[in-house]
Amino acid sequence: MLIGEAPAFAAGVRALLPGGVDVALDLVGGAWTAETLETMAPQGTLMLVGLVAGASATLPLSTMLGKRLRIIGTAMRSRSLEEKIAVAQQLDRRLVPLFEAKRLAPIVDAVLPMTQLPAALVRVANNDTFGKLVLTW
């Protein structure tokens, strides 16, 4: 996919999960949010966390109504220190055990030595990754 090109991943997600996804974590916003809504199962929840692809979006309201979807927006930056601590504690209690049990795993596209940082940045800029790029020293 090229930067600036409209995202088109809903059909692929629906092919893998015909019933749709129950919960989606949207880290980018913009045009991606509308596409993410198309992947949702009835009564699904979209958690909007980031806006790197844009702070505005045209959303398919008929999809939202028909599937009875929920969108929850959240941000850590505007939270108090106490709230941030509480969120970190919840993550530790609820998610860390899932990672330890291998029920959740990060998607890693590649592990590269730090000497390949320029090439890694080009891949990120060209949106030529699926998952994280991990740099080692």
N, C-alpha and C. Protein backbone atom coordinates (compact mmCIF):
# COMPACT_ATOMS: atom_id res chain seq x y z
N MET A 1 0.85 -1.17 0.00
CA MET A 1 0.00 0.00 0.00
C MET A 1 0.90 1.24 0.00
N LEU A 2 0.53 2.22 -0.74
CA LEU A 2 1.28 3.46 -0.81
C LEU A 2 0.70 4.47 0.17
N ILE A 3 1.56 5.32 0.69
CA ILE A 3 1.08 6.38 1.57
C ILE A 3 0.12 7.25 0.79
N GLY A 4 -1.01 7.58 1.39
CA GLY A 4 -2.02 8.38 0.73
C GLY A 4 -3.08 7.55 0.03
N GLU A 5 -2.79 6.28 -0.19
CA GLU A 5 -3.77 5.39 -0.81
C GLU A 5 -4.81 5.00 0.24
N ALA A 6 -6.06 4.89 -0.18
CA ALA A 6 -7.12 4.51 0.74
C ALA A 6 -6.89 3.09 1.25
N PRO A 7 -7.07 2.85 2.54
CA PRO A 7 -6.87 1.51 3.06
C PRO A 7 -7.94 0.56 2.55
N ALA A 8 -7.56 -0.67 2.32
CA ALA A 8 -8.52 -1.68 1.84
C ALA A 8 -8.14 -3.02 2.45
N PHE A 9 -8.54 -3.24 3.67
CA PHE A 9 -8.22 -4.49 4.35
C PHE A 9 -9.44 -5.22 4.88
N ALA A 10 -10.61 -4.60 4.85
CA ALA A 10 -11.81 -5.21 5.43
C ALA A 10 -12.14 -6.54 4.77
N ALA A 11 -12.04 -6.62 3.46
CA ALA A 11 -12.38 -7.88 2.77
C ALA A 11 -11.46 -9.01 3.23
N GLY A 12 -10.18 -8.71 3.41
CA GLY A 12 -9.25 -9.73 3.88
C GLY A 12 -9.56 -10.19 5.29
N VAL A 13 -9.91 -9.25 6.15
CA VAL A 13 -10.28 -9.61 7.53
C VAL A 13 -11.55 -10.45 7.52
N ARG A 14 -12.53 -10.04 6.73
CA ARG A 14 -13.80 -10.78 6.68
C ARG A 14 -13.61 -12.18 6.09
N ALA A 15 -12.63 -12.34 5.19
CA ALA A 15 -12.35 -13.67 4.64
C ALA A 15 -11.81 -14.60 5.74
N LEU A 16 -10.99 -14.05 6.63
CA LEU A 16 -10.43 -14.83 7.73
C LEU A 16 -11.43 -15.03 8.86
N LEU A 17 -12.24 -14.00 9.11
CA LEU A 17 -13.20 -14.02 10.21
C LEU A 17 -14.57 -13.60 9.67
N PRO A 18 -15.31 -14.53 9.04
CA PRO A 18 -16.57 -14.18 8.40
C PRO A 18 -17.58 -13.49 9.31
N GLY A 19 -17.53 -13.78 10.60
CA GLY A 19 -18.44 -13.13 11.53
C GLY A 19 -18.00 -11.75 11.95
N GLY A 20 -16.80 -11.37 11.55
CA GLY A 20 -16.26 -10.07 11.93
C GLY A 20 -15.52 -10.13 13.26
N VAL A 21 -14.96 -9.01 13.64
CA VAL A 21 -14.19 -8.93 14.89
C VAL A 21 -15.05 -8.29 15.97
N ASP A 22 -14.90 -8.78 17.17
CA ASP A 22 -15.68 -8.26 18.30
C ASP A 22 -15.11 -6.95 18.83
N VAL A 23 -13.78 -6.85 18.86
CA VAL A 23 -13.11 -5.65 19.36
C VAL A 23 -11.96 -5.32 18.43
N ALA A 24 -11.89 -4.06 18.03
CA ALA A 24 -10.77 -3.60 17.20
C ALA A 24 -10.10 -2.43 17.89
N LEU A 25 -8.80 -2.42 17.86
CA LEU A 25 -8.00 -1.34 18.42
C LEU A 25 -7.46 -0.53 17.25
N ASP A 26 -7.97 0.68 17.07
CA ASP A 26 -7.59 1.55 15.95
C ASP A 26 -6.53 2.52 16.45
N LEU A 27 -5.31 2.32 15.99
CA LEU A 27 -4.19 3.15 16.42
C LEU A 27 -3.89 4.30 15.47
N VAL A 28 -4.61 4.36 14.33
CA VAL A 28 -4.24 5.36 13.34
C VAL A 28 -5.33 6.35 12.96
N GLY A 29 -6.60 6.00 13.08
CA GLY A 29 -7.68 6.94 12.75
C GLY A 29 -7.77 7.22 11.27
N GLY A 30 -8.23 8.41 10.92
CA GLY A 30 -8.38 8.81 9.52
C GLY A 30 -9.24 7.84 8.73
N ALA A 31 -8.90 7.63 7.47
CA ALA A 31 -9.67 6.74 6.59
C ALA A 31 -9.65 5.30 7.08
N TRP A 32 -8.68 4.94 7.90
CA TRP A 32 -8.59 3.58 8.42
C TRP A 32 -9.77 3.26 9.33
N THR A 33 -10.33 4.25 10.00
CA THR A 33 -11.42 3.99 10.94
C THR A 33 -12.65 3.47 10.21
N ALA A 34 -13.01 4.08 9.10
CA ALA A 34 -14.17 3.61 8.33
C ALA A 34 -13.94 2.18 7.85
N GLU A 35 -12.75 1.88 7.39
CA GLU A 35 -12.44 0.53 6.92
C GLU A 35 -12.50 -0.47 8.08
N THR A 36 -12.02 -0.05 9.23
CA THR A 36 -12.07 -0.92 10.41
C THR A 36 -13.51 -1.24 10.80
N LEU A 37 -14.40 -0.25 10.70
CA LEU A 37 -15.80 -0.48 11.03
C LEU A 37 -16.41 -1.57 10.15
N GLU A 38 -15.95 -1.67 8.92
CA GLU A 38 -16.46 -2.69 8.00
C GLU A 38 -16.03 -4.10 8.41
N THR A 39 -15.03 -4.22 9.27
CA THR A 39 -14.56 -5.54 9.73
C THR A 39 -15.30 -6.01 10.96
N MET A 40 -16.12 -5.17 11.55
CA MET A 40 -16.70 -5.43 12.87
C MET A 40 -17.85 -6.44 12.82
N ALA A 41 -17.93 -7.24 13.88
CA ALA A 41 -19.06 -8.14 14.09
C ALA A 41 -20.21 -7.34 14.68
N PRO A 42 -21.43 -7.84 14.58
CA PRO A 42 -22.54 -7.15 15.23
C PRO A 42 -22.25 -6.93 16.72
N GLN A 43 -22.60 -5.76 17.19
CA GLN A 43 -22.40 -5.33 18.57
C GLN A 43 -20.92 -5.25 18.95
N GLY A 44 -20.06 -5.07 17.96
CA GLY A 44 -18.63 -4.94 18.21
C GLY A 44 -18.27 -3.58 18.77
N THR A 45 -17.05 -3.51 19.26
CA THR A 45 -16.54 -2.27 19.84
C THR A 45 -15.24 -1.88 19.17
N LEU A 46 -15.16 -0.64 18.73
CA LEU A 46 -13.94 -0.09 18.17
C LEU A 46 -13.34 0.85 19.21
N MET A 47 -12.11 0.58 19.60
CA MET A 47 -11.38 1.44 20.53
C MET A 47 -10.46 2.33 19.70
N LEU A 48 -10.75 3.62 19.68
CA LEU A 48 -9.94 4.58 18.92
C LEU A 48 -8.90 5.17 19.85
N VAL A 49 -7.63 4.90 19.54
CA VAL A 49 -6.54 5.27 20.43
C VAL A 49 -5.60 6.30 19.79
N GLY A 50 -5.42 6.24 18.48
CA GLY A 50 -4.45 7.13 17.84
C GLY A 50 -5.02 7.78 16.59
N LEU A 51 -4.31 8.82 16.14
CA LEU A 51 -4.78 9.59 14.99
C LEU A 51 -3.67 9.90 14.00
N VAL A 52 -2.68 9.03 13.87
CA VAL A 52 -1.56 9.34 12.98
C VAL A 52 -1.97 9.44 11.52
N ALA A 53 -3.09 8.82 11.11
CA ALA A 53 -3.56 8.91 9.73
C ALA A 53 -4.55 10.05 9.54
N GLY A 54 -4.85 10.77 10.62
CA GLY A 54 -5.75 11.91 10.50
C GLY A 54 -6.76 11.95 11.62
N ALA A 55 -7.16 13.17 11.97
CA ALA A 55 -8.10 13.38 13.07
C ALA A 55 -9.55 13.42 12.59
N SER A 56 -9.79 13.31 11.29
CA SER A 56 -11.15 13.33 10.75
C SER A 56 -11.37 12.10 9.89
N ALA A 57 -12.64 11.67 9.83
CA ALA A 57 -12.98 10.51 9.01
C ALA A 57 -14.44 10.59 8.59
N THR A 58 -14.73 10.06 7.42
CA THR A 58 -16.11 9.88 6.97
C THR A 58 -16.48 8.46 7.34
N LEU A 59 -17.51 8.32 8.19
CA LEU A 59 -17.85 7.00 8.71
C LEU A 59 -19.15 6.48 8.11
N PRO A 60 -19.23 5.17 7.90
CA PRO A 60 -20.45 4.55 7.37
C PRO A 60 -21.49 4.41 8.49
N LEU A 61 -22.30 5.43 8.66
CA LEU A 61 -23.26 5.43 9.77
C LEU A 61 -24.27 4.29 9.66
N SER A 62 -24.63 3.91 8.44
CA SER A 62 -25.57 2.80 8.29
C SER A 62 -24.96 1.50 8.82
N THR A 63 -23.66 1.33 8.62
CA THR A 63 -22.97 0.15 9.17
C THR A 63 -22.99 0.19 10.69
N MET A 64 -22.73 1.36 11.24
CA MET A 64 -22.72 1.50 12.70
C MET A 64 -24.09 1.19 13.29
N LEU A 65 -25.14 1.71 12.67
CA LEU A 65 -26.49 1.46 13.17
C LEU A 65 -26.91 0.01 12.96
N GLY A 66 -26.68 -0.50 11.76
CA GLY A 66 -27.10 -1.85 11.43
C GLY A 66 -26.43 -2.91 12.29
N LYS A 67 -25.17 -2.68 12.62
CA LYS A 67 -24.44 -3.65 13.44
C LYS A 67 -24.47 -3.31 14.93
N ARG A 68 -25.08 -2.17 15.26
CA ARG A 68 -25.16 -1.71 16.66
C ARG A 68 -23.76 -1.63 17.27
N LEU A 69 -22.88 -0.92 16.59
CA LEU A 69 -21.48 -0.81 16.99
C LEU A 69 -21.28 0.28 18.04
N ARG A 70 -20.22 0.14 18.79
CA ARG A 70 -19.79 1.15 19.76
C ARG A 70 -18.39 1.63 19.37
N ILE A 71 -18.18 2.93 19.48
CA ILE A 71 -16.85 3.51 19.32
C ILE A 71 -16.49 4.17 20.63
N ILE A 72 -15.34 3.80 21.16
CA ILE A 72 -14.85 4.39 22.40
C ILE A 72 -13.52 5.06 22.09
N GLY A 73 -13.43 6.33 22.37
CA GLY A 73 -12.19 7.07 22.18
C GLY A 73 -11.45 7.19 23.49
N THR A 74 -10.14 7.05 23.43
CA THR A 74 -9.34 7.17 24.64
C THR A 74 -7.95 7.69 24.29
N ALA A 75 -7.32 8.29 25.26
CA ALA A 75 -5.95 8.79 25.09
C ALA A 75 -5.26 8.76 26.44
N MET A 76 -4.02 8.46 26.44
CA MET A 76 -3.26 8.47 27.69
C MET A 76 -2.76 9.87 28.03
N ARG A 77 -2.43 10.65 27.01
CA ARG A 77 -1.81 11.96 27.22
C ARG A 77 -2.63 12.86 28.13
N SER A 78 -3.95 12.84 28.00
CA SER A 78 -4.79 13.76 28.76
C SER A 78 -5.17 13.21 30.14
N ARG A 79 -4.72 12.03 30.47
CA ARG A 79 -5.07 11.43 31.76
C ARG A 79 -4.12 11.90 32.86
N SER A 80 -4.64 11.87 34.08
CA SER A 80 -3.80 12.22 35.24
C SER A 80 -2.80 11.09 35.50
N LEU A 81 -1.79 11.39 36.28
CA LEU A 81 -0.79 10.37 36.63
C LEU A 81 -1.45 9.18 37.31
N GLU A 82 -2.41 9.44 38.16
CA GLU A 82 -3.10 8.35 38.86
C GLU A 82 -3.84 7.44 37.88
N GLU A 83 -4.50 8.04 36.89
CA GLU A 83 -5.19 7.23 35.88
C GLU A 83 -4.20 6.41 35.06
N LYS A 84 -3.06 7.01 34.70
CA LYS A 84 -2.04 6.29 33.93
C LYS A 84 -1.52 5.10 34.72
N ILE A 85 -1.31 5.29 36.01
CA ILE A 85 -0.85 4.18 36.86
C ILE A 85 -1.89 3.07 36.90
N ALA A 86 -3.17 3.44 37.04
CA ALA A 86 -4.25 2.45 37.09
C ALA A 86 -4.33 1.67 35.78
N VAL A 87 -4.17 2.34 34.65
CA VAL A 87 -4.19 1.66 33.35
C VAL A 87 -3.02 0.68 33.25
N ALA A 88 -1.84 1.11 33.66
CA ALA A 88 -0.65 0.24 33.62
C ALA A 88 -0.86 -0.99 34.50
N GLN A 89 -1.47 -0.80 35.65
CA GLN A 89 -1.73 -1.93 36.54
C GLN A 89 -2.73 -2.90 35.92
N GLN A 90 -3.75 -2.38 35.25
CA GLN A 90 -4.73 -3.24 34.57
C GLN A 90 -4.06 -4.04 33.44
N LEU A 91 -3.21 -3.36 32.67
CA LEU A 91 -2.47 -4.06 31.60
C LEU A 91 -1.63 -5.17 32.19
N ASP A 92 -0.96 -4.89 33.31
CA ASP A 92 -0.12 -5.89 33.95
C ASP A 92 -0.96 -7.08 34.41
N ARG A 93 -2.12 -6.82 34.97
CA ARG A 93 -2.98 -7.90 35.47
C ARG A 93 -3.66 -8.69 34.36
N ARG A 94 -4.10 -7.98 33.31
CA ARG A 94 -4.93 -8.64 32.30
C ARG A 94 -4.20 -9.09 31.05
N LEU A 95 -3.23 -8.31 30.58
CA LEU A 95 -2.58 -8.65 29.31
C LEU A 95 -1.26 -9.40 29.47
N VAL A 96 -0.46 -9.04 30.44
CA VAL A 96 0.83 -9.71 30.60
C VAL A 96 0.66 -11.22 30.73
N PRO A 97 -0.32 -11.71 31.53
CA PRO A 97 -0.49 -13.16 31.60
C PRO A 97 -0.84 -13.80 30.24
N LEU A 98 -1.56 -13.08 29.40
CA LEU A 98 -1.89 -13.61 28.08
C LEU A 98 -0.65 -13.70 27.19
N PHE A 99 0.24 -12.71 27.30
CA PHE A 99 1.51 -12.79 26.56
C PHE A 99 2.37 -13.92 27.10
N GLU A 100 2.42 -14.07 28.43
CA GLU A 100 3.22 -15.13 29.04
C GLU A 100 2.71 -16.51 28.64
N ALA A 101 1.39 -16.65 28.51
CA ALA A 101 0.79 -17.94 28.12
C ALA A 101 0.80 -18.14 26.61
N LYS A 102 1.36 -17.19 25.87
CA LYS A 102 1.42 -17.25 24.40
C LYS A 102 0.04 -17.22 23.75
N ARG A 103 -0.95 -16.68 24.46
CA ARG A 103 -2.28 -16.50 23.88
C ARG A 103 -2.35 -15.19 23.10
N LEU A 104 -1.47 -14.28 23.40
CA LEU A 104 -1.28 -13.04 22.65
C LEU A 104 0.20 -12.96 22.27
N ALA A 105 0.46 -12.43 21.10
CA ALA A 105 1.84 -12.27 20.66
C ALA A 105 1.94 -11.05 19.76
N PRO A 106 3.02 -10.29 19.89
CA PRO A 106 3.19 -9.16 18.98
C PRO A 106 3.50 -9.68 17.57
N ILE A 107 3.11 -8.90 16.58
CA ILE A 107 3.43 -9.24 15.20
C ILE A 107 4.71 -8.50 14.85
N VAL A 108 5.75 -9.27 14.59
CA VAL A 108 7.05 -8.70 14.27
C VAL A 108 7.36 -9.00 12.81
N ASP A 109 7.52 -7.94 12.03
CA ASP A 109 7.84 -8.09 10.62
C ASP A 109 9.28 -8.53 10.45
N ALA A 110 10.19 -7.87 11.17
CA ALA A 110 11.61 -8.19 11.03
C ALA A 110 12.38 -7.71 12.25
N VAL A 111 13.49 -8.42 12.52
CA VAL A 111 14.45 -8.01 13.54
C VAL A 111 15.72 -7.65 12.79
N LEU A 112 16.13 -6.39 12.92
CA LEU A 112 17.25 -5.88 12.15
C LEU A 112 18.33 -5.30 13.07
N PRO A 113 19.59 -5.38 12.65
CA PRO A 113 20.63 -4.71 13.44
C PRO A 113 20.51 -3.19 13.28
N MET A 114 20.93 -2.47 14.28
CA MET A 114 20.83 -1.01 14.28
C MET A 114 21.53 -0.40 13.06
N THR A 115 22.50 -1.10 12.50
CA THR A 115 23.20 -0.59 11.32
C THR A 115 22.27 -0.47 10.11
N GLN A 116 21.11 -1.15 10.17
CA GLN A 116 20.14 -1.08 9.08
C GLN A 116 19.02 -0.08 9.36
N LEU A 117 19.24 0.81 10.32
CA LEU A 117 18.22 1.80 10.66
C LEU A 117 17.75 2.61 9.45
N PRO A 118 18.64 3.13 8.60
CA PRO A 118 18.15 3.91 7.45
C PRO A 118 17.21 3.09 6.55
N ALA A 119 17.55 1.85 6.29
CA ALA A 119 16.70 1.00 5.45
C ALA A 119 15.37 0.71 6.16
N ALA A 120 15.42 0.53 7.47
CA ALA A 120 14.20 0.28 8.23
C ALA A 120 13.28 1.48 8.17
N LEU A 121 13.83 2.67 8.29
CA LEU A 121 13.02 3.89 8.22
C LEU A 121 12.38 4.05 6.85
N VAL A 122 13.08 3.68 5.80
CA VAL A 122 12.51 3.73 4.45
C VAL A 122 11.33 2.76 4.36
N ARG A 123 11.49 1.57 4.91
CA ARG A 123 10.39 0.59 4.89
C ARG A 123 9.17 1.14 5.62
N VAL A 124 9.38 1.77 6.78
CA VAL A 124 8.26 2.34 7.54
C VAL A 124 7.62 3.47 6.75
N ALA A 125 8.42 4.35 6.18
CA ALA A 125 7.90 5.49 5.42
C ALA A 125 7.10 5.03 4.20
N ASN A 126 7.50 3.92 3.60
CA ASN A 126 6.80 3.37 2.43
C ASN A 126 5.66 2.44 2.81
N ASN A 127 5.41 2.32 4.12
CA ASN A 127 4.35 1.42 4.61
C ASN A 127 4.58 0.01 4.09
N ASP A 128 5.84 -0.41 4.11
CA ASP A 128 6.25 -1.71 3.58
C ASP A 128 6.52 -2.70 4.72
N THR A 129 5.70 -2.66 5.75
CA THR A 129 5.86 -3.58 6.88
C THR A 129 4.49 -4.13 7.26
N PHE A 130 4.52 -5.29 7.85
CA PHE A 130 3.32 -5.84 8.47
C PHE A 130 3.75 -6.24 9.87
N GLY A 131 3.45 -5.42 10.82
CA GLY A 131 3.93 -5.64 12.18
C GLY A 131 5.07 -4.69 12.48
N LYS A 132 5.72 -4.96 13.57
CA LYS A 132 6.77 -4.08 14.06
C LYS A 132 8.12 -4.43 13.45
N LEU A 133 8.96 -3.41 13.31
CA LEU A 133 10.36 -3.62 13.02
C LEU A 133 11.11 -3.45 14.33
N VAL A 134 11.90 -4.45 14.68
CA VAL A 134 12.65 -4.42 15.94
C VAL A 134 14.11 -4.22 15.59
N LEU A 135 14.73 -3.23 16.22
CA LEU A 135 16.16 -2.97 15.99
C LEU A 135 16.95 -3.48 17.18
N THR A 136 18.07 -4.15 16.89
CA THR A 136 18.94 -4.67 17.94
C THR A 136 20.28 -3.94 17.90
N TRP A 137 20.91 -3.86 19.06
CA TRP A 137 22.22 -3.22 19.14
C TRP A 137 23.27 -4.27 19.29
